[in-house]
């Protein structure tokens, strides 16, 4: 079970939501702590693809590598951190609602601490992510419903 789980309904089809949310270039647009994202290959996103994500926590920036471990368009995706002291595990699911005209997006998020990250995860990282997640989903909803797809 994940440490953080947020669900939001978005007035866009599952395909539109999936296309936007799984495109790494959009992450800084809707995730408050994301500073930048760099794809590590020019190939289309698929299982095994990696992205480098830089996030700001307080006054510091941290970069980590995330690997795609599952992609099932337009239903689900899964990313897992592969380096750094704090490694995120993100699972997303999209369910059609309103006869497919809208979507219910659920994001499950947890973290593994390695080395000094073991102390950071329960006292710094999870509380910050728990505060940020609802804001991120609300911003994503706003962007998508305004027609950014």
C-alpha atoms as a PDB file:
ATOM      1  CA  UNK A   1       0.000   0.000   0.000  1.00  0.00           C
ATOM      2  CA  UNK A   2       1.257   3.453  -0.861  1.00  0.00           C
ATOM      3  CA  UNK A   3       1.967   6.123   1.714  1.00  0.00           C
ATOM      4  CA  UNK A   4       0.090   8.784  -0.263  1.00  0.00           C
ATOM      5  CA  UNK A   5      -2.941   8.280  -2.486  1.00  0.00           C
ATOM      6  CA  UNK A   6      -4.860  11.058  -4.218  1.00  0.00           C
ATOM      7  CA  UNK A   7      -7.805  10.816  -6.607  1.00  0.00           C
ATOM      8  CA  UNK A   8      -9.386  13.526  -8.748  1.00  0.00           C
ATOM      9  CA  UNK A   9     -12.000  13.619 -11.499  1.00  0.00           C
ATOM     10  CA  UNK A  10     -11.020  15.426 -14.694  1.00  0.00           C
ATOM     11  CA  UNK A  11     -13.409  16.437 -17.479  1.00  0.00           C
ATOM     12  CA  UNK A  12     -11.206  14.911 -20.192  1.00  0.00           C
ATOM     13  CA  UNK A  13     -11.117  11.470 -21.754  1.00  0.00           C
ATOM     14  CA  UNK A  14      -8.752   8.836 -20.341  1.00  0.00           C
ATOM     15  CA  UNK A  15      -6.643   9.023 -23.521  1.00  0.00           C
ATOM     16  CA  UNK A  16      -6.195  12.796 -23.156  1.00  0.00           C
ATOM     17  CA  UNK A  17      -5.311  12.558 -19.462  1.00  0.00           C
ATOM     18  CA  UNK A  18      -2.918   9.660 -20.063  1.00  0.00           C
ATOM     19  CA  UNK A  19      -1.175  11.402 -22.960  1.00  0.00           C
ATOM     20  CA  UNK A  20      -0.526  14.536 -20.916  1.00  0.00           C
ATOM     21  CA  UNK A  21       0.373  12.980 -17.576  1.00  0.00           C
ATOM     22  CA  UNK A  22       2.830  10.434 -19.027  1.00  0.00           C
ATOM     23  CA  UNK A  23       4.693  13.009 -21.128  1.00  0.00           C
ATOM     24  CA  UNK A  24       7.695  13.913 -18.930  1.00  0.00           C
ATOM     25  CA  UNK A  25       8.013  17.377 -20.479  1.00  0.00           C
ATOM     26  CA  UNK A  26       4.758  18.369 -18.736  1.00  0.00           C
ATOM     27  CA  UNK A  27       5.842  17.390 -15.205  1.00  0.00           C
ATOM     28  CA  UNK A  28       7.170  20.856 -14.222  1.00  0.00           C
ATOM     29  CA  UNK A  29       3.903  22.409 -15.471  1.00  0.00           C
ATOM     30  CA  UNK A  30       1.741  20.621 -12.906  1.00  0.00           C
ATOM     31  CA  UNK A  31       4.067  19.406 -10.135  1.00  0.00           C
ATOM     32  CA  UNK A  32       5.008  22.165  -7.727  1.00  0.00           C
ATOM     33  CA  UNK A  33       8.405  20.784  -6.636  1.00  0.00           C
ATOM     34  CA  UNK A  34       9.560  19.776 -10.136  1.00  0.00           C
ATOM     35  CA  UNK A  35      12.183  22.156 -11.499  1.00  0.00           C
ATOM     36  CA  UNK A  36      13.110  20.286 -14.674  1.00  0.00           C
ATOM     37  CA  UNK A  37      12.854  16.926 -16.400  1.00  0.00           C
ATOM     38  CA  UNK A  38      15.208  15.502 -18.992  1.00  0.00           C
ATOM     39  CA  UNK A  39      14.502  12.387 -21.009  1.00  0.00           C
ATOM     40  CA  UNK A  40      17.525  10.127 -21.176  1.00  0.00           C
ATOM     41  CA  UNK A  41      16.697   8.922 -24.693  1.00  0.00           C
ATOM     42  CA  UNK A  42      14.941  10.230 -27.789  1.00  0.00           C
ATOM     43  CA  UNK A  43      12.942   6.998 -28.140  1.00  0.00           C
ATOM     44  CA  UNK A  44       9.218   7.093 -27.346  1.00  0.00           C
ATOM     45  CA  UNK A  45       8.339   6.532 -23.693  1.00  0.00           C
ATOM     46  CA  UNK A  46       8.046   2.810 -22.981  1.00  0.00           C
ATOM     47  CA  UNK A  47       8.861   0.302 -20.271  1.00  0.00           C
ATOM     48  CA  UNK A  48      12.563   0.765 -19.509  1.00  0.00           C
ATOM     49  CA  UNK A  49      12.625   4.477 -20.472  1.00  0.00           C
ATOM     50  CA  UNK A  50      14.370   6.740 -17.985  1.00  0.00           C
ATOM     51  CA  UNK A  51      13.996  10.391 -17.081  1.00  0.00           C
ATOM     52  CA  UNK A  52      16.107  12.620 -14.879  1.00  0.00           C
ATOM     53  CA  UNK A  53      13.949  14.747 -12.571  1.00  0.00           C
ATOM     54  CA  UNK A  54      15.236  17.729 -10.593  1.00  0.00           C
ATOM     55  CA  UNK A  55      13.081  18.766  -7.638  1.00  0.00           C
ATOM     56  CA  UNK A  56      13.342  21.571  -5.132  1.00  0.00           C
ATOM     57  CA  UNK A  57      12.866  20.806  -1.458  1.00  0.00           C
ATOM     58  CA  UNK A  58      13.253  23.924   0.615  1.00  0.00           C
ATOM     59  CA  UNK A  59      16.284  25.779  -0.720  1.00  0.00           C
ATOM     60  CA  UNK A  60      17.978  22.683  -2.180  1.00  0.00           C
ATOM     61  CA  UNK A  61      17.595  20.930  -5.498  1.00  0.00           C
ATOM     62  CA  UNK A  62      17.897  17.165  -5.906  1.00  0.00           C
ATOM     63  CA  UNK A  63      18.131  15.187  -9.123  1.00  0.00           C
ATOM     64  CA  UNK A  64      17.077  11.560  -9.416  1.00  0.00           C
ATOM     65  CA  UNK A  65      16.500   9.055 -12.195  1.00  0.00           C
ATOM     66  CA  UNK A  66      13.079   7.497 -12.670  1.00  0.00           C
ATOM     67  CA  UNK A  67      12.481   4.386 -14.772  1.00  0.00           C
ATOM     68  CA  UNK A  68       9.197   3.422 -16.407  1.00  0.00           C
ATOM     69  CA  UNK A  69       8.257  -0.056 -15.165  1.00  0.00           C
ATOM     70  CA  UNK A  70       4.729  -0.204 -16.593  1.00  0.00           C
ATOM     71  CA  UNK A  71       2.767   1.545 -19.353  1.00  0.00           C
ATOM     72  CA  UNK A  72      -0.758   0.432 -20.195  1.00  0.00           C
ATOM     73  CA  UNK A  73      -2.358   3.260 -22.192  1.00  0.00           C
ATOM     74  CA  UNK A  74      -4.788   4.783 -21.353  1.00  0.00           C
ATOM     75  CA  UNK A  75      -5.217   2.953 -18.045  1.00  0.00           C
ATOM     76  CA  UNK A  76      -2.034   2.959 -15.979  1.00  0.00           C
ATOM     77  CA  UNK A  77       1.660   3.658 -15.634  1.00  0.00           C
ATOM     78  CA  UNK A  78       4.337   3.037 -13.022  1.00  0.00           C
ATOM     79  CA  UNK A  79       7.650   4.824 -12.425  1.00  0.00           C
ATOM     80  CA  UNK A  80      10.309   3.858  -9.913  1.00  0.00           C
ATOM     81  CA  UNK A  81      13.367   5.783  -8.729  1.00  0.00           C
ATOM     82  CA  UNK A  82      16.628   3.988  -9.431  1.00  0.00           C
ATOM     83  CA  UNK A  83      19.220   6.223  -7.761  1.00  0.00           C
ATOM     84  CA  UNK A  84      19.784   8.761  -5.032  1.00  0.00           C
ATOM     85  CA  UNK A  85      19.110   8.730  -1.310  1.00  0.00           C
ATOM     86  CA  UNK A  86      15.332   9.108  -1.817  1.00  0.00           C
ATOM     87  CA  UNK A  87      13.651   6.996  -4.510  1.00  0.00           C
ATOM     88  CA  UNK A  88      10.047   7.619  -5.440  1.00  0.00           C
ATOM     89  CA  UNK A  89       7.597   4.952  -6.512  1.00  0.00           C
ATOM     90  CA  UNK A  90       4.683   6.398  -8.510  1.00  0.00           C
ATOM     91  CA  UNK A  91       1.706   4.461  -9.820  1.00  0.00           C
ATOM     92  CA  UNK A  92      -1.038   6.136 -11.813  1.00  0.00           C
ATOM     93  CA  UNK A  93      -4.429   4.748 -12.787  1.00  0.00           C
ATOM     94  CA  UNK A  94      -7.088   6.303 -14.969  1.00  0.00           C
ATOM     95  CA  UNK A  95     -10.676   5.074 -14.984  1.00  0.00           C
ATOM     96  CA  UNK A  96     -13.271   6.292 -17.492  1.00  0.00           C
ATOM     97  CA  UNK A  97     -16.298   8.013 -15.968  1.00  0.00           C
ATOM     98  CA  UNK A  98     -19.310   9.726 -17.544  1.00  0.00           C
ATOM     99  CA  UNK A  99     -19.332   7.191 -20.404  1.00  0.00           C
ATOM    100  CA  UNK A 100     -15.671   7.915 -21.164  1.00  0.00           C
ATOM    101  CA  UNK A 101     -16.090  11.687 -21.481  1.00  0.00           C
ATOM    102  CA  UNK A 102     -14.224  12.199 -18.210  1.00  0.00           C
ATOM    103  CA  UNK A 103     -11.600  10.414 -16.129  1.00  0.00           C
ATOM    104  CA  UNK A 104     -10.918   9.499 -12.535  1.00  0.00           C
ATOM    105  CA  UNK A 105      -7.165   9.812 -11.947  1.00  0.00           C
ATOM    106  CA  UNK A 106      -5.594   8.100  -8.948  1.00  0.00           C
ATOM    107  CA  UNK A 107      -1.920   8.542  -8.117  1.00  0.00           C
ATOM    108  CA  UNK A 108      -0.217   6.374  -5.485  1.00  0.00           C
ATOM    109  CA  UNK A 109       3.122   7.658  -4.228  1.00  0.00           C
ATOM    110  CA  UNK A 110       5.676   6.278  -1.824  1.00  0.00           C
ATOM    111  CA  UNK A 111       9.395   6.655  -1.171  1.00  0.00           C
ATOM    112  CA  UNK A 112      12.349   4.449  -0.258  1.00  0.00           C
ATOM    113  CA  UNK A 113      15.197   5.913   1.704  1.00  0.00           C
ATOM    114  CA  UNK A 114      18.792   4.813   1.047  1.00  0.00           C
ATOM    115  CA  UNK A 115      21.691   5.974   3.230  1.00  0.00           C
ATOM    116  CA  UNK A 116      20.863   9.409   4.636  1.00  0.00           C
ATOM    117  CA  UNK A 117      17.525   9.198   2.806  1.00  0.00           C
ATOM    118  CA  UNK A 118      16.249   6.752   5.429  1.00  0.00           C
ATOM    119  CA  UNK A 119      15.983   9.615   7.913  1.00  0.00           C
ATOM    120  CA  UNK A 120      14.590  12.092   5.363  1.00  0.00           C
ATOM    121  CA  UNK A 121      11.706   9.979   4.027  1.00  0.00           C
ATOM    122  CA  UNK A 122       9.447   9.808   7.121  1.00  0.00           C
ATOM    123  CA  UNK A 123      10.174  13.266   8.532  1.00  0.00           C
ATOM    124  CA  UNK A 124      10.732  15.487   5.475  1.00  0.00           C
ATOM    125  CA  UNK A 125       9.893  13.850   2.147  1.00  0.00           C
ATOM    126  CA  UNK A 126       6.545  12.138   2.857  1.00  0.00           C
ATOM    127  CA  UNK A 127       5.051  15.117   4.753  1.00  0.00           C
ATOM    128  CA  UNK A 128       6.089  17.502   1.956  1.00  0.00           C
ATOM    129  CA  UNK A 129       4.696  15.181  -0.732  1.00  0.00           C
ATOM    130  CA  UNK A 130       1.465  14.704   1.237  1.00  0.00           C
ATOM    131  CA  UNK A 131       0.966  18.496   1.246  1.00  0.00           C
ATOM    132  CA  UNK A 132       1.915  18.878  -2.417  1.00  0.00           C
ATOM    133  CA  UNK A 133      -0.051  16.012  -4.032  1.00  0.00           C
ATOM    134  CA  UNK A 134      -3.563  17.530  -3.765  1.00  0.00           C
ATOM    135  CA  UNK A 135      -2.232  20.827  -5.127  1.00  0.00           C
ATOM    136  CA  UNK A 136      -0.556  19.033  -8.030  1.00  0.00           C
ATOM    137  CA  UNK A 137      -3.705  17.132  -8.961  1.00  0.00           C
ATOM    138  CA  UNK A 138      -5.805  20.311  -8.763  1.00  0.00           C
ATOM    139  CA  UNK A 139      -3.343  22.108 -11.045  1.00  0.00           C
ATOM    140  CA  UNK A 140      -3.346  19.158 -13.465  1.00  0.00           C
ATOM    141  CA  UNK A 141      -7.157  19.246 -13.540  1.00  0.00           C
ATOM    142  CA  UNK A 142      -7.127  22.989 -14.281  1.00  0.00           C
ATOM    143  CA  UNK A 143      -4.566  22.627 -17.079  1.00  0.00           C
ATOM    144  CA  UNK A 144      -6.374  19.734 -18.745  1.00  0.00           C
ATOM    145  CA  UNK A 145      -9.846  21.185 -18.442  1.00  0.00           C
ATOM    146  CA  UNK A 146      -8.663  24.454 -19.999  1.00  0.00           C
ATOM    147  CA  UNK A 147      -7.712  22.478 -23.079  1.00  0.00           C
ATOM    148  CA  UNK A 148      -3.933  22.067 -22.818  1.00  0.00           C
ATOM    149  CA  UNK A 149      -4.075  18.624 -24.392  1.00  0.00           C
END
